[in-house]
Amino acid sequence: ASAETIADMYQQRWTVEVFFRWVKQYLNVPTLFGTTENAVYNQLFAAFIAYVLLRWLYDQTKKQTNVSLSFISFVRRFFSGQLPLDWKSGMAAALFEYAQIYGRRMYNFG
């Protein structure tokens, strides 16, 4: 193979490595549970969906609060139940606003 072909293959492989590094860091997927193609897709899609929902909730709440948190601090405190009261009330307001826009009712929230 020519040097250009080898360099292109290495660059493509590096792109895949960077993607999996991002998945491990930001989606908290240190290992894959399955080895089949379907299992890998299911785990990655579930992690992407959770990330996008948390990111949306963070962005919506950040607009309504006075306390500043980074996204990673928000996620850690969200899962441990230690969010500041401003953030909890901002989340409730964002979710209720979303529910009103799309005509959904939210029972027993909070």
N, C-alpha and C. Protein backbone atom coordinates (compact mmCIF):
# COMPACT_ATOMS: atom_id res chain seq x y z
N ALA A 1 0.84 -1.19 0.00
CA ALA A 1 0.00 0.00 0.00
C ALA A 1 0.89 1.25 0.00
N SER A 2 0.36 2.28 -0.60
CA SER A 2 1.13 3.52 -0.68
C SER A 2 1.09 4.24 0.67
N ALA A 3 1.99 5.18 0.82
CA ALA A 3 2.06 5.95 2.07
C ALA A 3 0.78 6.76 2.29
N GLU A 4 0.21 7.27 1.20
CA GLU A 4 -1.04 8.04 1.33
C GLU A 4 -2.19 7.18 1.80
N THR A 5 -2.28 5.96 1.30
CA THR A 5 -3.35 5.04 1.71
C THR A 5 -3.21 4.70 3.19
N ILE A 6 -2.01 4.42 3.61
CA ILE A 6 -1.76 4.10 5.02
C ILE A 6 -2.09 5.30 5.90
N ALA A 7 -1.73 6.50 5.47
CA ALA A 7 -2.03 7.71 6.24
C ALA A 7 -3.54 7.93 6.33
N ASP A 8 -4.28 7.67 5.24
CA ASP A 8 -5.74 7.80 5.27
C ASP A 8 -6.37 6.78 6.21
N MET A 9 -5.87 5.54 6.18
CA MET A 9 -6.40 4.51 7.08
C MET A 9 -6.14 4.88 8.53
N TYR A 10 -4.96 5.40 8.82
CA TYR A 10 -4.64 5.81 10.19
C TYR A 10 -5.53 6.96 10.64
N GLN A 11 -5.77 7.92 9.74
CA GLN A 11 -6.63 9.05 10.09
C GLN A 11 -8.06 8.59 10.36
N GLN A 12 -8.57 7.66 9.57
CA GLN A 12 -9.91 7.13 9.81
C GLN A 12 -9.97 6.37 11.13
N ARG A 13 -8.95 5.59 11.41
CA ARG A 13 -8.91 4.86 12.67
C ARG A 13 -8.84 5.83 13.85
N TRP A 14 -8.07 6.89 13.72
CA TRP A 14 -7.95 7.87 14.79
C TRP A 14 -9.30 8.55 15.05
N THR A 15 -10.07 8.81 14.01
CA THR A 15 -11.40 9.39 14.17
C THR A 15 -12.30 8.46 15.00
N VAL A 16 -12.23 7.18 14.73
CA VAL A 16 -13.01 6.20 15.51
C VAL A 16 -12.55 6.19 16.96
N GLU A 17 -11.25 6.23 17.19
CA GLU A 17 -10.72 6.25 18.56
C GLU A 17 -11.18 7.49 19.32
N VAL A 18 -11.17 8.64 18.68
CA VAL A 18 -11.62 9.88 19.32
C VAL A 18 -13.11 9.78 19.66
N PHE A 19 -13.90 9.20 18.76
CA PHE A 19 -15.32 9.02 19.02
C PHE A 19 -15.55 8.15 20.25
N PHE A 20 -14.86 7.01 20.34
CA PHE A 20 -15.05 6.13 21.50
C PHE A 20 -14.52 6.76 22.78
N ARG A 21 -13.49 7.58 22.69
CA ARG A 21 -13.03 8.31 23.87
C ARG A 21 -14.11 9.26 24.36
N TRP A 22 -14.77 9.96 23.43
CA TRP A 22 -15.87 10.86 23.79
C TRP A 22 -17.01 10.07 24.42
N VAL A 23 -17.34 8.93 23.86
CA VAL A 23 -18.41 8.09 24.40
C VAL A 23 -18.08 7.67 25.82
N LYS A 24 -16.85 7.24 26.05
CA LYS A 24 -16.46 6.80 27.39
C LYS A 24 -16.50 7.94 28.40
N GLN A 25 -16.08 9.13 27.98
CA GLN A 25 -16.01 10.26 28.91
C GLN A 25 -17.37 10.89 29.16
N TYR A 26 -18.11 11.17 28.11
CA TYR A 26 -19.32 11.97 28.26
C TYR A 26 -20.59 11.13 28.40
N LEU A 27 -20.62 9.95 27.87
CA LEU A 27 -21.81 9.11 27.98
C LEU A 27 -21.68 8.08 29.08
N ASN A 28 -20.54 8.06 29.73
CA ASN A 28 -20.29 7.15 30.84
C ASN A 28 -20.53 5.69 30.42
N VAL A 29 -19.93 5.31 29.31
CA VAL A 29 -20.00 3.94 28.83
C VAL A 29 -18.56 3.40 28.80
N PRO A 30 -18.05 2.96 29.96
CA PRO A 30 -16.67 2.49 29.99
C PRO A 30 -16.46 1.17 29.24
N THR A 31 -17.45 0.29 29.27
CA THR A 31 -17.36 -0.97 28.54
C THR A 31 -18.70 -1.24 27.88
N LEU A 32 -18.65 -2.01 26.84
CA LEU A 32 -19.87 -2.40 26.15
C LEU A 32 -20.34 -3.73 26.72
N PHE A 33 -21.65 -3.85 26.99
CA PHE A 33 -22.18 -5.05 27.62
C PHE A 33 -22.28 -6.21 26.65
N GLY A 34 -22.57 -5.94 25.40
CA GLY A 34 -22.72 -7.00 24.42
C GLY A 34 -21.66 -6.90 23.35
N THR A 35 -21.53 -7.95 22.58
CA THR A 35 -20.55 -7.95 21.51
C THR A 35 -21.20 -7.95 20.13
N THR A 36 -22.49 -8.18 20.08
CA THR A 36 -23.16 -8.17 18.78
C THR A 36 -23.39 -6.74 18.33
N GLU A 37 -23.58 -6.57 17.04
CA GLU A 37 -23.81 -5.23 16.50
C GLU A 37 -25.06 -4.59 17.11
N ASN A 38 -26.12 -5.38 17.25
CA ASN A 38 -27.38 -4.87 17.81
C ASN A 38 -27.20 -4.44 19.27
N ALA A 39 -26.46 -5.20 20.05
CA ALA A 39 -26.24 -4.85 21.46
C ALA A 39 -25.45 -3.55 21.58
N VAL A 40 -24.44 -3.37 20.74
CA VAL A 40 -23.64 -2.15 20.77
C VAL A 40 -24.49 -0.95 20.39
N TYR A 41 -25.28 -1.09 19.31
CA TYR A 41 -26.16 0.01 18.90
C TYR A 41 -27.16 0.36 20.00
N ASN A 42 -27.78 -0.64 20.61
CA ASN A 42 -28.76 -0.37 21.67
C ASN A 42 -28.14 0.36 22.85
N GLN A 43 -26.97 -0.06 23.28
CA GLN A 43 -26.33 0.60 24.41
C GLN A 43 -25.92 2.03 24.07
N LEU A 44 -25.37 2.23 22.88
CA LEU A 44 -24.96 3.58 22.49
C LEU A 44 -26.16 4.49 22.28
N PHE A 45 -27.23 4.00 21.67
CA PHE A 45 -28.42 4.82 21.47
C PHE A 45 -29.04 5.21 22.81
N ALA A 46 -29.10 4.28 23.75
CA ALA A 46 -29.65 4.59 25.07
C ALA A 46 -28.80 5.65 25.77
N ALA A 47 -27.49 5.54 25.66
CA ALA A 47 -26.60 6.52 26.27
C ALA A 47 -26.75 7.89 25.60
N PHE A 48 -26.87 7.92 24.26
CA PHE A 48 -27.08 9.18 23.55
C PHE A 48 -28.38 9.84 23.95
N ILE A 49 -29.44 9.06 24.05
CA ILE A 49 -30.75 9.61 24.43
C ILE A 49 -30.69 10.21 25.83
N ALA A 50 -30.07 9.50 26.77
CA ALA A 50 -29.94 10.01 28.13
C ALA A 50 -29.11 11.30 28.14
N TYR A 51 -28.03 11.32 27.38
CA TYR A 51 -27.18 12.51 27.32
C TYR A 51 -27.95 13.71 26.75
N VAL A 52 -28.67 13.50 25.67
CA VAL A 52 -29.41 14.60 25.03
C VAL A 52 -30.50 15.12 25.97
N LEU A 53 -31.21 14.23 26.64
CA LEU A 53 -32.25 14.68 27.58
C LEU A 53 -31.67 15.45 28.75
N LEU A 54 -30.58 14.95 29.32
CA LEU A 54 -29.94 15.67 30.42
C LEU A 54 -29.38 17.01 29.96
N ARG A 55 -28.82 17.05 28.76
CA ARG A 55 -28.28 18.30 28.23
C ARG A 55 -29.40 19.31 28.00
N TRP A 56 -30.54 18.85 27.47
CA TRP A 56 -31.67 19.74 27.26
C TRP A 56 -32.18 20.28 28.59
N LEU A 57 -32.32 19.39 29.58
CA LEU A 57 -32.80 19.82 30.89
C LEU A 57 -31.82 20.81 31.52
N TYR A 58 -30.53 20.57 31.38
CA TYR A 58 -29.52 21.49 31.91
C TYR A 58 -29.63 22.86 31.24
N ASP A 59 -29.72 22.88 29.91
CA ASP A 59 -29.79 24.16 29.19
C ASP A 59 -31.05 24.94 29.54
N GLN A 60 -32.19 24.25 29.66
CA GLN A 60 -33.43 24.92 30.01
C GLN A 60 -33.38 25.47 31.43
N THR A 61 -32.80 24.72 32.35
CA THR A 61 -32.75 25.14 33.75
C THR A 61 -31.73 26.24 33.97
N LYS A 62 -30.63 26.19 33.23
CA LYS A 62 -29.57 27.19 33.38
C LYS A 62 -30.09 28.60 33.11
N LYS A 63 -31.05 28.72 32.20
CA LYS A 63 -31.61 30.02 31.86
C LYS A 63 -32.40 30.63 33.02
N GLN A 64 -32.92 29.79 33.92
CA GLN A 64 -33.84 30.25 34.95
C GLN A 64 -33.23 30.32 36.35
N THR A 65 -31.94 30.04 36.49
CA THR A 65 -31.35 29.97 37.83
C THR A 65 -30.23 31.00 38.00
N ASN A 66 -29.93 31.26 39.25
CA ASN A 66 -28.84 32.18 39.59
C ASN A 66 -27.56 31.43 39.95
N VAL A 67 -27.68 30.16 40.35
CA VAL A 67 -26.53 29.36 40.74
C VAL A 67 -25.90 28.77 39.48
N SER A 68 -24.59 28.94 39.34
CA SER A 68 -23.94 28.41 38.14
C SER A 68 -23.32 27.05 38.44
N LEU A 69 -23.62 26.10 37.58
CA LEU A 69 -23.05 24.76 37.66
C LEU A 69 -22.57 24.38 36.26
N SER A 70 -21.49 23.63 36.22
CA SER A 70 -21.09 23.08 34.93
C SER A 70 -22.01 21.90 34.61
N PHE A 71 -22.01 21.47 33.38
CA PHE A 71 -22.87 20.36 32.99
C PHE A 71 -22.53 19.09 33.76
N ILE A 72 -21.23 18.82 33.93
CA ILE A 72 -20.85 17.60 34.63
C ILE A 72 -21.24 17.67 36.11
N SER A 73 -21.12 18.85 36.73
CA SER A 73 -21.56 19.01 38.12
C SER A 73 -23.06 18.84 38.23
N PHE A 74 -23.79 19.36 37.24
CA PHE A 74 -25.24 19.19 37.21
C PHE A 74 -25.61 17.72 37.16
N VAL A 75 -24.97 16.96 36.28
CA VAL A 75 -25.29 15.54 36.12
C VAL A 75 -24.98 14.78 37.41
N ARG A 76 -23.82 15.04 37.99
CA ARG A 76 -23.45 14.34 39.24
C ARG A 76 -24.43 14.66 40.36
N ARG A 77 -24.77 15.92 40.51
CA ARG A 77 -25.72 16.30 41.57
C ARG A 77 -27.13 15.83 41.26
N PHE A 78 -27.49 15.79 39.98
CA PHE A 78 -28.81 15.30 39.58
C PHE A 78 -29.00 13.85 40.01
N PHE A 79 -28.01 13.01 39.72
CA PHE A 79 -28.13 11.59 40.05
C PHE A 79 -27.95 11.30 41.53
N SER A 80 -27.26 12.17 42.24
CA SER A 80 -27.10 11.95 43.68
C SER A 80 -28.19 12.65 44.49
N GLY A 81 -29.06 13.42 43.83
CA GLY A 81 -30.14 14.10 44.54
C GLY A 81 -29.68 15.31 45.32
N GLN A 82 -28.59 15.94 44.94
CA GLN A 82 -28.03 17.06 45.69
C GLN A 82 -28.03 18.37 44.90
N LEU A 83 -29.00 18.55 44.03
CA LEU A 83 -29.08 19.81 43.28
C LEU A 83 -29.52 20.94 44.20
N PRO A 84 -28.99 22.15 43.99
CA PRO A 84 -29.47 23.30 44.75
C PRO A 84 -30.95 23.54 44.48
N LEU A 85 -31.61 24.17 45.43
CA LEU A 85 -33.04 24.42 45.32
C LEU A 85 -33.38 25.25 44.08
N ASP A 86 -32.53 26.23 43.73
CA ASP A 86 -32.77 27.01 42.52
C ASP A 86 -32.85 26.12 41.29
N TRP A 87 -31.98 25.13 41.23
CA TRP A 87 -31.96 24.25 40.06
C TRP A 87 -33.18 23.34 40.05
N LYS A 88 -33.59 22.86 41.22
CA LYS A 88 -34.78 22.00 41.27
C LYS A 88 -36.02 22.77 40.84
N SER A 89 -36.17 24.00 41.31
CA SER A 89 -37.34 24.78 40.91
C SER A 89 -37.25 25.17 39.44
N GLY A 90 -36.03 25.44 38.94
CA GLY A 90 -35.85 25.73 37.52
C GLY A 90 -36.19 24.54 36.65
N MET A 91 -35.83 23.34 37.10
CA MET A 91 -36.19 22.13 36.36
C MET A 91 -37.69 21.95 36.32
N ALA A 92 -38.34 22.15 37.46
CA ALA A 92 -39.79 22.01 37.51
C ALA A 92 -40.45 23.01 36.57
N ALA A 93 -39.98 24.25 36.57
CA ALA A 93 -40.56 25.27 35.69
C ALA A 93 -40.35 24.91 34.22
N ALA A 94 -39.16 24.42 33.87
CA ALA A 94 -38.89 24.05 32.48
C ALA A 94 -39.76 22.88 32.04
N LEU A 95 -39.92 21.89 32.91
CA LEU A 95 -40.74 20.73 32.55
C LEU A 95 -42.22 21.10 32.45
N PHE A 96 -42.70 21.96 33.35
CA PHE A 96 -44.09 22.39 33.26
C PHE A 96 -44.33 23.25 32.02
N GLU A 97 -43.37 24.08 31.67
CA GLU A 97 -43.48 24.88 30.45
C GLU A 97 -43.54 23.97 29.22
N TYR A 98 -42.69 22.96 29.20
CA TYR A 98 -42.71 21.99 28.10
C TYR A 98 -44.06 21.27 28.04
N ALA A 99 -44.56 20.89 29.21
CA ALA A 99 -45.84 20.18 29.25
C ALA A 99 -46.98 21.05 28.74
N GLN A 100 -46.96 22.33 29.05
CA GLN A 100 -48.01 23.23 28.58
C GLN A 100 -47.92 23.44 27.07
N ILE A 101 -46.72 23.55 26.56
CA ILE A 101 -46.55 23.76 25.12
C ILE A 101 -47.08 22.57 24.34
N TYR A 102 -46.79 21.37 24.82
CA TYR A 102 -47.16 20.17 24.09
C TYR A 102 -48.42 19.50 24.62
N GLY A 103 -49.13 20.16 25.52
CA GLY A 103 -50.42 19.67 25.98
C GLY A 103 -50.36 18.43 26.84
N ARG A 104 -49.31 18.24 27.59
CA ARG A 104 -49.19 17.08 28.47
C ARG A 104 -49.47 17.51 29.90
N ARG A 105 -49.98 16.60 30.68
CA ARG A 105 -50.19 16.85 32.11
C ARG A 105 -49.11 16.12 32.89
N MET A 106 -48.62 16.79 33.92
CA MET A 106 -47.59 16.18 34.75
C MET A 106 -48.12 16.04 36.16
N TYR A 107 -48.33 14.83 36.56
CA TYR A 107 -48.86 14.55 37.88
C TYR A 107 -47.72 14.19 38.84
N ASN A 108 -47.85 14.63 40.07
CA ASN A 108 -46.93 14.26 41.15
C ASN A 108 -45.47 14.56 40.81
N PHE A 109 -45.22 15.69 40.19
CA PHE A 109 -43.83 16.06 39.91
C PHE A 109 -43.25 16.77 41.09
N GLY A 110 -42.03 16.40 41.48
CA GLY A 110 -41.35 17.10 42.55
C GLY A 110 -41.39 16.32 43.80
